[in-house]
Amino acid sequence: MIHVIFGEDVVSSRNKLVEMLLDKPNIIRLDGKKNSIAQLDEALLSNSLFSDSKTVVVESFTKLKPETKIWELLGKFENDKKVDVVLWDDTDLGKRKFSKSVQVFNFIFPKFYYMFLDSFEPSSKKSFELLGEVLKTLNSEQVLYGLVRRVRQLLVIKSNNYSDFSEFKQMQSWQISKLKKQAELWTESQLKKAFISFAQLDEKIKTSGLTMPLASHLDMILLSDLN
């Protein structure tokens, strides 16, 4: 069976991926950023000495090109009960349609979460106030990921080379216009400072180096560090 997991809520989508792979005896992992169509073909056709069944996981599958070739290969295993394929991506695929036999998990954020990201600007008390509301529904890691992603987008906009990035090619014109207006509120140095602050928090989470709850660190950054 083929499963597709996607959406900007990476924390939830990653948790779903981990859940789906629990107790799977034979897992083959590929990365769309590093591997090729030929390697996907090889993984699908390969046999294991230890298990009759297998699970092929392709992370960042939208980076594997050409995409039409992916689905051509997967179509051969659509009804194969011994082969599970799990496609994961952090991209919002919107209203893309999949075959009825494909199991789809779309992890999207609520609208007020995007209101919070849109309010992110220097010396903004609104961002701080909305942060409290967002944290009533989402966890701190989800908020941090969104801030890192938004700051990265604003830095790309500042570079004036955004049209070269696949992420922006999938955006609507109104989305890009909104990001441009938000980017105008920032200097490049401010955005770089914000990105470093959030990246350091992410590193501390991975190394268990936080000195206080993540939400408190986010409060401090929004209230003082970016002013």
C-alpha atoms as a PDB file:
ATOM      1  CA  MET A   1       0.000   0.000   0.000  1.00  0.00           C
ATOM      2  CA  ILE A   2       1.081   3.579  -0.602  1.00  0.00           C
ATOM      3  CA  HIS A   3       0.874   6.179   2.159  1.00  0.00           C
ATOM      4  CA  VAL A   4       1.514   9.919   1.714  1.00  0.00           C
ATOM      5  CA  ILE A   5       2.299  12.099   4.731  1.00  0.00           C
ATOM      6  CA  PHE A   6       2.745  15.824   4.158  1.00  0.00           C
ATOM      7  CA  GLY A   7       2.051  19.321   5.468  1.00  0.00           C
ATOM      8  CA  GLU A   8       3.785  22.201   7.200  1.00  0.00           C
ATOM      9  CA  ASP A   9       3.052  20.795  10.661  1.00  0.00           C
ATOM     10  CA  VAL A  10       6.289  18.843  10.613  1.00  0.00           C
ATOM     11  CA  VAL A  11       6.181  17.843  14.284  1.00  0.00           C
ATOM     12  CA  SER A  12       2.861  16.040  13.807  1.00  0.00           C
ATOM     13  CA  SER A  13       3.800  14.566  10.425  1.00  0.00           C
ATOM     14  CA  ARG A  14       7.093  13.210  11.782  1.00  0.00           C
ATOM     15  CA  ASN A  15       5.259  11.670  14.722  1.00  0.00           C
ATOM     16  CA  LYS A  16       2.883   9.992  12.270  1.00  0.00           C
ATOM     17  CA  LEU A  17       5.823   8.666  10.271  1.00  0.00           C
ATOM     18  CA  VAL A  18       7.430   7.198  13.397  1.00  0.00           C
ATOM     19  CA  GLU A  19       4.097   5.664  14.412  1.00  0.00           C
ATOM     20  CA  MET A  20       3.629   4.012  11.022  1.00  0.00           C
ATOM     21  CA  LEU A  21       7.103   2.479  11.069  1.00  0.00           C
ATOM     22  CA  LEU A  22       6.799   0.919  14.517  1.00  0.00           C
ATOM     23  CA  ASP A  23       7.412  -2.841  14.406  1.00  0.00           C
ATOM     24  CA  LYS A  24       8.142  -2.804  10.671  1.00  0.00           C
ATOM     25  CA  PRO A  25      10.785  -5.534  10.207  1.00  0.00           C
ATOM     26  CA  ASN A  26      12.383  -4.461   6.931  1.00  0.00           C
ATOM     27  CA  ILE A  27      12.633  -0.708   6.298  1.00  0.00           C
ATOM     28  CA  ILE A  28      14.478   0.836   3.364  1.00  0.00           C
ATOM     29  CA  ARG A  29      14.988   4.604   3.676  1.00  0.00           C
ATOM     30  CA  LEU A  30      15.557   7.037   0.829  1.00  0.00           C
ATOM     31  CA  ASP A  31      15.906  10.801   0.714  1.00  0.00           C
ATOM     32  CA  GLY A  32      14.505  12.698  -2.267  1.00  0.00           C
ATOM     33  CA  LYS A  33      17.244  15.327  -1.834  1.00  0.00           C
ATOM     34  CA  LYS A  34      20.037  12.765  -2.164  1.00  0.00           C
ATOM     35  CA  ASN A  35      18.746   9.658  -3.905  1.00  0.00           C
ATOM     36  CA  SER A  36      17.594   9.058  -7.470  1.00  0.00           C
ATOM     37  CA  ILE A  37      14.691   7.464  -9.305  1.00  0.00           C
ATOM     38  CA  ALA A  38      16.971   4.540 -10.116  1.00  0.00           C
ATOM     39  CA  GLN A  39      17.627   3.974  -6.406  1.00  0.00           C
ATOM     40  CA  LEU A  40      13.892   4.050  -5.703  1.00  0.00           C
ATOM     41  CA  ASP A  41      13.368   1.460  -8.430  1.00  0.00           C
ATOM     42  CA  GLU A  42      16.102  -0.699  -6.914  1.00  0.00           C
ATOM     43  CA  ALA A  43      14.587  -0.399  -3.416  1.00  0.00           C
ATOM     44  CA  LEU A  44      11.154  -1.416  -4.658  1.00  0.00           C
ATOM     45  CA  LEU A  45      12.486  -4.448  -6.516  1.00  0.00           C
ATOM     46  CA  SER A  46      15.009  -5.644  -3.936  1.00  0.00           C
ATOM     47  CA  ASN A  47      14.424  -8.770  -1.861  1.00  0.00           C
ATOM     48  CA  SER A  48      15.355  -9.395   1.772  1.00  0.00           C
ATOM     49  CA  LEU A  49      16.778 -12.568   3.255  1.00  0.00           C
ATOM     50  CA  PHE A  50      15.106 -11.802   6.569  1.00  0.00           C
ATOM     51  CA  SER A  51      11.555 -10.794   5.670  1.00  0.00           C
ATOM     52  CA  ASP A  52       8.967 -11.411   2.950  1.00  0.00           C
ATOM     53  CA  SER A  53       7.583  -7.897   3.374  1.00  0.00           C
ATOM     54  CA  LYS A  54       9.253  -4.492   3.292  1.00  0.00           C
ATOM     55  CA  THR A  55       8.547  -0.820   3.789  1.00  0.00           C
ATOM     56  CA  VAL A  56      10.160   1.748   1.502  1.00  0.00           C
ATOM     57  CA  VAL A  57      10.266   5.227   3.021  1.00  0.00           C
ATOM     58  CA  VAL A  58      11.000   8.240   0.823  1.00  0.00           C
ATOM     59  CA  GLU A  59      11.499  11.476   2.734  1.00  0.00           C
ATOM     60  CA  SER A  60      11.259  14.813   0.882  1.00  0.00           C
ATOM     61  CA  PHE A  61       9.717  12.845  -1.966  1.00  0.00           C
ATOM     62  CA  THR A  62       8.721  15.967  -3.932  1.00  0.00           C
ATOM     63  CA  LYS A  63      12.440  16.632  -4.501  1.00  0.00           C
ATOM     64  CA  LEU A  64      12.789  13.351  -6.375  1.00  0.00           C
ATOM     65  CA  LYS A  65      12.396  14.117 -10.094  1.00  0.00           C
ATOM     66  CA  PRO A  66      10.695  13.539 -12.406  1.00  0.00           C
ATOM     67  CA  GLU A  67       7.653  13.028 -10.182  1.00  0.00           C
ATOM     68  CA  THR A  68       5.665  11.344 -12.945  1.00  0.00           C
ATOM     69  CA  LYS A  69       8.277   8.578 -12.958  1.00  0.00           C
ATOM     70  CA  ILE A  70       7.793   8.078  -9.189  1.00  0.00           C
ATOM     71  CA  TRP A  71       4.106   7.339  -9.601  1.00  0.00           C
ATOM     72  CA  GLU A  72       4.782   5.167 -12.620  1.00  0.00           C
ATOM     73  CA  LEU A  73       7.065   2.998 -10.469  1.00  0.00           C
ATOM     74  CA  LEU A  74       4.742   3.014  -7.460  1.00  0.00           C
ATOM     75  CA  GLY A  75       1.776   2.012  -9.608  1.00  0.00           C
ATOM     76  CA  LYS A  76       3.326  -1.439 -10.030  1.00  0.00           C
ATOM     77  CA  PHE A  77       3.172  -2.010  -6.267  1.00  0.00           C
ATOM     78  CA  GLU A  78      -0.134  -0.317  -5.515  1.00  0.00           C
ATOM     79  CA  ASN A  79      -1.875  -3.604  -4.711  1.00  0.00           C
ATOM     80  CA  ASP A  80       1.152  -5.546  -3.492  1.00  0.00           C
ATOM     81  CA  LYS A  81       0.446  -6.526   0.129  1.00  0.00           C
ATOM     82  CA  LYS A  82       4.114  -7.321   0.746  1.00  0.00           C
ATOM     83  CA  VAL A  83       5.321  -3.826  -0.135  1.00  0.00           C
ATOM     84  CA  ASP A  84       4.443  -0.712   1.842  1.00  0.00           C
ATOM     85  CA  VAL A  85       5.584   2.659   0.549  1.00  0.00           C
ATOM     86  CA  VAL A  86       5.556   5.726   2.783  1.00  0.00           C
ATOM     87  CA  LEU A  87       6.142   9.125   1.160  1.00  0.00           C
ATOM     88  CA  TRP A  88       6.876  12.006   3.534  1.00  0.00           C
ATOM     89  CA  ASP A  89       7.353  15.704   2.831  1.00  0.00           C
ATOM     90  CA  ASP A  90       7.188  18.954   4.775  1.00  0.00           C
ATOM     91  CA  THR A  91       5.596  20.727   1.810  1.00  0.00           C
ATOM     92  CA  ASP A  92       1.972  21.811   1.786  1.00  0.00           C
ATOM     93  CA  LEU A  93       0.641  19.974  -1.265  1.00  0.00           C
ATOM     94  CA  GLY A  94      -2.667  21.785  -0.993  1.00  0.00           C
ATOM     95  CA  LYS A  95      -5.444  20.233  -3.045  1.00  0.00           C
ATOM     96  CA  ARG A  96      -3.304  17.797  -4.970  1.00  0.00           C
ATOM     97  CA  LYS A  97      -5.315  14.711  -5.880  1.00  0.00           C
ATOM     98  CA  PHE A  98      -4.054  11.189  -5.300  1.00  0.00           C
ATOM     99  CA  SER A  99      -5.340   7.809  -6.394  1.00  0.00           C
ATOM    100  CA  LYS A 100      -8.180   6.450  -4.256  1.00  0.00           C
ATOM    101  CA  SER A 101      -5.955   3.561  -3.207  1.00  0.00           C
ATOM    102  CA  VAL A 102      -3.392   5.964  -1.654  1.00  0.00           C
ATOM    103  CA  GLN A 103      -3.759   6.676   2.051  1.00  0.00           C
ATOM    104  CA  VAL A 104      -3.225  10.418   2.604  1.00  0.00           C
ATOM    105  CA  PHE A 105      -2.344  12.229   5.834  1.00  0.00           C
ATOM    106  CA  ASN A 106      -2.331  16.026   5.531  1.00  0.00           C
ATOM    107  CA  PHE A 107      -1.031  17.879   8.587  1.00  0.00           C
ATOM    108  CA  ILE A 108      -2.003  21.530   8.316  1.00  0.00           C
ATOM    109  CA  PHE A 109      -1.958  24.308  10.895  1.00  0.00           C
ATOM    110  CA  PRO A 110      -5.087  26.237  11.981  1.00  0.00           C
ATOM    111  CA  LYS A 111      -5.607  29.718  10.494  1.00  0.00           C
ATOM    112  CA  PHE A 112      -4.679  31.557  13.706  1.00  0.00           C
ATOM    113  CA  TYR A 113      -1.228  29.966  13.523  1.00  0.00           C
ATOM    114  CA  TYR A 114      -0.593  31.755  10.221  1.00  0.00           C
ATOM    115  CA  MET A 115      -1.984  34.956  11.725  1.00  0.00           C
ATOM    116  CA  PHE A 116       0.745  34.656  14.348  1.00  0.00           C
ATOM    117  CA  LEU A 117       3.482  34.134  11.735  1.00  0.00           C
ATOM    118  CA  ASP A 118       2.151  37.036   9.659  1.00  0.00           C
ATOM    119  CA  SER A 119       2.339  39.284  12.742  1.00  0.00           C
ATOM    120  CA  PHE A 120       6.023  38.478  13.261  1.00  0.00           C
ATOM    121  CA  GLU A 121       7.862  41.778  12.912  1.00  0.00           C
ATOM    122  CA  PRO A 122      10.417  43.827  14.903  1.00  0.00           C
ATOM    123  CA  SER A 123       9.197  45.179  18.253  1.00  0.00           C
ATOM    124  CA  SER A 124       5.752  43.670  17.783  1.00  0.00           C
ATOM    125  CA  LYS A 125       3.682  43.175  20.932  1.00  0.00           C
ATOM    126  CA  LYS A 126       1.009  41.560  18.779  1.00  0.00           C
ATOM    127  CA  SER A 127       3.325  38.634  18.035  1.00  0.00           C
ATOM    128  CA  PHE A 128       3.898  38.118  21.739  1.00  0.00           C
ATOM    129  CA  GLU A 129       0.181  38.263  22.500  1.00  0.00           C
ATOM    130  CA  LEU A 130      -0.714  35.843  19.700  1.00  0.00           C
ATOM    131  CA  LEU A 131       2.054  33.479  20.831  1.00  0.00           C
ATOM    132  CA  GLY A 132       0.163  32.891  24.055  1.00  0.00           C
ATOM    133  CA  GLU A 133      -2.986  32.038  22.120  1.00  0.00           C
ATOM    134  CA  VAL A 134      -1.175  29.719  19.707  1.00  0.00           C
ATOM    135  CA  LEU A 135       0.471  27.810  22.563  1.00  0.00           C
ATOM    136  CA  LYS A 136      -2.962  26.958  23.962  1.00  0.00           C
ATOM    137  CA  THR A 137      -3.472  24.656  20.981  1.00  0.00           C
ATOM    138  CA  LEU A 138      -0.033  23.844  19.545  1.00  0.00           C
ATOM    139  CA  ASN A 139       3.172  22.809  21.266  1.00  0.00           C
ATOM    140  CA  SER A 140       6.296  24.956  21.460  1.00  0.00           C
ATOM    141  CA  GLU A 141       8.244  22.840  18.974  1.00  0.00           C
ATOM    142  CA  GLN A 142       5.591  23.402  16.306  1.00  0.00           C
ATOM    143  CA  VAL A 143       5.774  27.153  16.894  1.00  0.00           C
ATOM    144  CA  LEU A 144       9.572  27.182  16.748  1.00  0.00           C
ATOM    145  CA  TYR A 145       9.585  25.267  13.478  1.00  0.00           C
ATOM    146  CA  GLY A 146       7.123  27.730  11.974  1.00  0.00           C
ATOM    147  CA  LEU A 147       9.229  30.715  13.021  1.00  0.00           C
ATOM    148  CA  VAL A 148      12.406  29.186  11.596  1.00  0.00           C
ATOM    149  CA  ARG A 149      10.612  28.489   8.316  1.00  0.00           C
ATOM    150  CA  ARG A 150       9.119  31.985   8.124  1.00  0.00           C
ATOM    151  CA  VAL A 151      12.430  33.734   8.857  1.00  0.00           C
ATOM    152  CA  ARG A 152      14.122  31.592   6.211  1.00  0.00           C
ATOM    153  CA  GLN A 153      11.428  32.592   3.717  1.00  0.00           C
ATOM    154  CA  LEU A 154      11.883  36.280   4.529  1.00  0.00           C
ATOM    155  CA  LEU A 155      15.644  36.004   4.093  1.00  0.00           C
ATOM    156  CA  VAL A 156      15.150  34.413   0.681  1.00  0.00           C
ATOM    157  CA  ILE A 157      12.750  37.209  -0.266  1.00  0.00           C
ATOM    158  CA  LYS A 158      15.384  39.745   0.807  1.00  0.00           C
ATOM    159  CA  SER A 159      17.910  38.096  -1.514  1.00  0.00           C
ATOM    160  CA  ASN A 160      15.645  38.764  -4.531  1.00  0.00           C
ATOM    161  CA  ASN A 161      16.377  35.247  -5.779  1.00  0.00           C
ATOM    162  CA  TYR A 162      13.232  33.620  -4.445  1.00  0.00           C
ATOM    163  CA  SER A 163      12.113  32.496  -7.910  1.00  0.00           C
ATOM    164  CA  ASP A 164      15.004  30.001  -7.914  1.00  0.00           C
ATOM    165  CA  PHE A 165      13.610  28.107  -4.911  1.00  0.00           C
ATOM    166  CA  SER A 166      11.124  25.261  -5.369  1.00  0.00           C
ATOM    167  CA  GLU A 167       9.241  26.270  -2.223  1.00  0.00           C
ATOM    168  CA  PHE A 168       8.319  29.600  -3.781  1.00  0.00           C
ATOM    169  CA  LYS A 169       7.431  28.063  -7.138  1.00  0.00           C
ATOM    170  CA  GLN A 170       4.575  26.279  -5.381  1.00  0.00           C
ATOM    171  CA  MET A 171       3.218  29.461  -3.768  1.00  0.00           C
ATOM    172  CA  GLN A 172       0.384  31.597  -5.058  1.00  0.00           C
ATOM    173  CA  SER A 173       1.209  35.189  -6.081  1.00  0.00           C
ATOM    174  CA  TRP A 174      -0.740  36.584  -3.123  1.00  0.00           C
ATOM    175  CA  GLN A 175       1.361  34.520  -0.725  1.00  0.00           C
ATOM    176  CA  ILE A 176       4.585  35.887  -2.164  1.00  0.00           C
ATOM    177  CA  SER A 177       3.221  39.454  -2.080  1.00  0.00           C
ATOM    178  CA  LYS A 178       2.378  39.031   1.603  1.00  0.00           C
ATOM    179  CA  LEU A 179       5.882  37.766   2.361  1.00  0.00           C
ATOM    180  CA  LYS A 180       7.399  40.692   0.468  1.00  0.00           C
ATOM    181  CA  LYS A 181       5.459  43.190   2.600  1.00  0.00           C
ATOM    182  CA  GLN A 182       6.537  41.412   5.765  1.00  0.00           C
ATOM    183  CA  ALA A 183      10.171  41.310   4.617  1.00  0.00           C
ATOM    184  CA  GLU A 184      10.143  45.084   4.077  1.00  0.00           C
ATOM    185  CA  LEU A 185       9.639  45.519   7.834  1.00  0.00           C
ATOM    186  CA  TRP A 186      12.960  43.839   8.543  1.00  0.00           C
ATOM    187  CA  THR A 187      16.607  44.545   7.807  1.00  0.00           C
ATOM    188  CA  GLU A 188      18.702  41.617   6.650  1.00  0.00           C
ATOM    189  CA  SER A 189      20.792  41.780   9.838  1.00  0.00           C
ATOM    190  CA  GLN A 190      17.649  41.578  12.005  1.00  0.00           C
ATOM    191  CA  LEU A 191      16.445  38.513  10.143  1.00  0.00           C
ATOM    192  CA  LYS A 192      19.845  36.844  10.431  1.00  0.00           C
ATOM    193  CA  LYS A 193      19.841  37.559  14.180  1.00  0.00           C
ATOM    194  CA  ALA A 194      16.363  36.043  14.485  1.00  0.00           C
ATOM    195  CA  PHE A 195      17.357  32.979  12.474  1.00  0.00           C
ATOM    196  CA  ILE A 196      20.425  32.389  14.649  1.00  0.00           C
ATOM    197  CA  SER A 197      18.355  32.764  17.842  1.00  0.00           C
ATOM    198  CA  PHE A 198      15.780  30.220  16.693  1.00  0.00           C
ATOM    199  CA  ALA A 199      18.416  27.849  15.269  1.00  0.00           C
ATOM    200  CA  GLN A 200      20.254  27.877  18.594  1.00  0.00           C
ATOM    201  CA  LEU A 201      17.020  26.965  20.371  1.00  0.00           C
ATOM    202  CA  ASP A 202      16.498  24.076  17.966  1.00  0.00           C
ATOM    203  CA  GLU A 203      20.025  22.833  18.660  1.00  0.00           C
ATOM    204  CA  LYS A 204      19.477  23.048  22.419  1.00  0.00           C
ATOM    205  CA  ILE A 205      16.299  20.988  22.099  1.00  0.00           C
ATOM    206  CA  LYS A 206      18.230  18.256  20.287  1.00  0.00           C
ATOM    207  CA  THR A 207      21.019  18.275  22.882  1.00  0.00           C
ATOM    208  CA  SER A 208      18.767  18.723  25.951  1.00  0.00           C
ATOM    209  CA  GLY A 209      20.443  22.039  26.620  1.00  0.00           C
ATOM    210  CA  LEU A 210      17.418  24.233  27.373  1.00  0.00           C
ATOM    211  CA  THR A 211      17.687  26.072  30.704  1.00  0.00           C
ATOM    212  CA  MET A 212      13.920  26.681  30.875  1.00  0.00           C
ATOM    213  CA  PRO A 213      10.767  25.605  28.996  1.00  0.00           C
ATOM    214  CA  LEU A 214      10.934  26.319  25.261  1.00  0.00           C
ATOM    215  CA  ALA A 215       7.865  28.574  25.486  1.00  0.00           C
ATOM    216  CA  SER A 216       9.749  30.828  27.912  1.00  0.00           C
ATOM    217  CA  HIS A 217      12.684  31.096  25.509  1.00  0.00           C
ATOM    218  CA  LEU A 218      10.309  32.065  22.697  1.00  0.00           C
ATOM    219  CA  ASP A 219       8.741  34.709  24.966  1.00  0.00           C
ATOM    220  CA  MET A 220      12.152  36.220  25.659  1.00  0.00           C
ATOM    221  CA  ILE A 221      13.126  36.346  21.994  1.00  0.00           C
ATOM    222  CA  LEU A 222       9.884  37.985  20.898  1.00  0.00           C
ATOM    223  CA  LEU A 223       9.925  40.496  23.765  1.00  0.00           C
ATOM    224  CA  SER A 224      13.538  41.587  23.814  1.00  0.00           C
ATOM    225  CA  ASP A 225      16.101  40.004  21.518  1.00  0.00           C
ATOM    226  CA  LEU A 226      14.498  41.238  18.293  1.00  0.00           C
ATOM    227  CA  ASN A 227      13.746  44.781  19.465  1.00  0.00           C
END
